[in-house]
Amino acid sequence: MDRTIGSALSLQLTGWAWVVLSSLLGLASFLGMLRGAPLPPGLRLAHAHGTLVGGILQILVGLALASLELTQPPAKRASRLLRFLGFNGAALGLTLGSIQRDSVIMIASGIVLAMALVPLLRPSLGILRTWSGWTTVHSFLVALAGLGLGACFLVGILLAGRWYPEWHGLLRLGHLHSGVLVGLVLLGLAVIQVGIPLLVQRPLNSAGLAHAALLLIPACVAGLLTGFLLTSVPIQLSAGAGLLLFLGLYAFTLLRTWSAGGSVGSAATDHLMLAVFFLVVTTVVGLGVGYNVLSNPPIMPYGTLHLIAYTHMTFIGFLLHAAVGGLAFGLPALLSAHRVSSHKKRPAYQAELERIMNRWRTPQIAALSFGTLGLGLVASLTWNMPLGSPAVQAASWISFGLLLAGLTLVTVKLAQVVGTAPSGDRTHHEH
């Protein structure tokens, strides 16, 4: 695979670099809050835009472009470079604009980002349609995800322009949920439902039930958005209960499919299954939050720290696990296809890369998972203990350490996979 700036591989690796650097900024912000010295709000926005736009979205774009290059000639180097600079320039502009609270920079960055993404939508959907097991239900969800990302862009412009300050809270909720819940989550659910059967080489268990559950999830998401916009907690709880039911059916069919594979699994399957698990957990916690709000007085106090812990169940638990699973699934296949022309030698090289991605699988997954759950534990401890208590501080540092360890393991393995040449190339270099 081409390693030059602008290639699909460079987008994936740059996206991971954004994830790591933005995560460090997020950990610093969380630590500052615990120590009573929170960072400026602009830095928290920079952390969010850096992680989601520069990181997760760029990784997805890189994987999509790599898949496209397997079936058609790659774009000219100049256009690839322009796309790379536009995408990362937009991500950088959104982070700097967040810090400076500069409307012009943020709006211009959003427009550049849209110009980089829109040309990729149709060809990417065309590639997905060639996957075994892809149906019109999945195409429908991907179309909805595209609409969600478009709505996120438009609402983001209204937020950045500050033209309707009296609606700031509603616009912020709409911007966040249309981009993450409608855009990234629905896209992830569609791809995961097709990807797991491909990975375990088994047909989807109870395909009719699985597709029905997937088709009804967007209706529940629409109900949630309606409840948020109308500030109606009963509507949110009703939609959340439906979402939990259909997510549960979705997860059940995937679990049955995975267990029917009879294999020991892989880093890709483990991360993708855990992504679904965390989404279910987030939904359960969200229902608890809604019920707590309805109680008068609230059963438990709920503040900024608890909101951060709750949202990161989705950001880290679902999106990060799904992105790492996508890299573990896609990189070995894509690198072997690009680097080895012989179809007979390609499986051996791909298996070697997969072995690298599967190394230290258990500690990597445990670190990211327990680190994420640890954030929720920290928030829970503050109900009965002050922020400066030894228990809260210890739980915080342990959670941070686990998350950093997990990110480090993934980074090391990505470097090893990219740096491992086919055996013929290594022999040639040795001579």
Foldseek 3Di string as FASTA:
>chain_A
DDPDALALVNLQLQLLVLQQVLVVLVLVQLVCVLVVRHDDPLSVQLSVLSNVQSHLVSNVVSLLLLLLCLPDPHDDPVVSNLLRCLSVLLSVLRSVCSNVLQLVSNLVSLVSNCVSPVVSLVSSLVSVVPAPPQDVLLVVLQVQLVVLCVQLSVLSNCQSVVPPVVCNQLSVVSNVCSNQVSHVVSNLLSCLQRVLCVQLVHDFAPVVLLSVLSNCLVVLSVQCNVCSNVVPLVSNLVSLVSNLVSLVSNLVRSVVSNVVSVDPDALLNVLSSQLSVLVSVLSVVVNVVSVQVPDVPGPFDDDDLQVVLSVVSNVQRHSVSSSLSCCLPRVLLSCLSVQPVDPVQSVVSSVVLNVLRRPPSVLLVCLSVVLSVLSNVLVVVVRPDRSPDPVSVVSSVSSVVSNSVNSVSSSVSVVVSVPDHRPVVVVVVVD
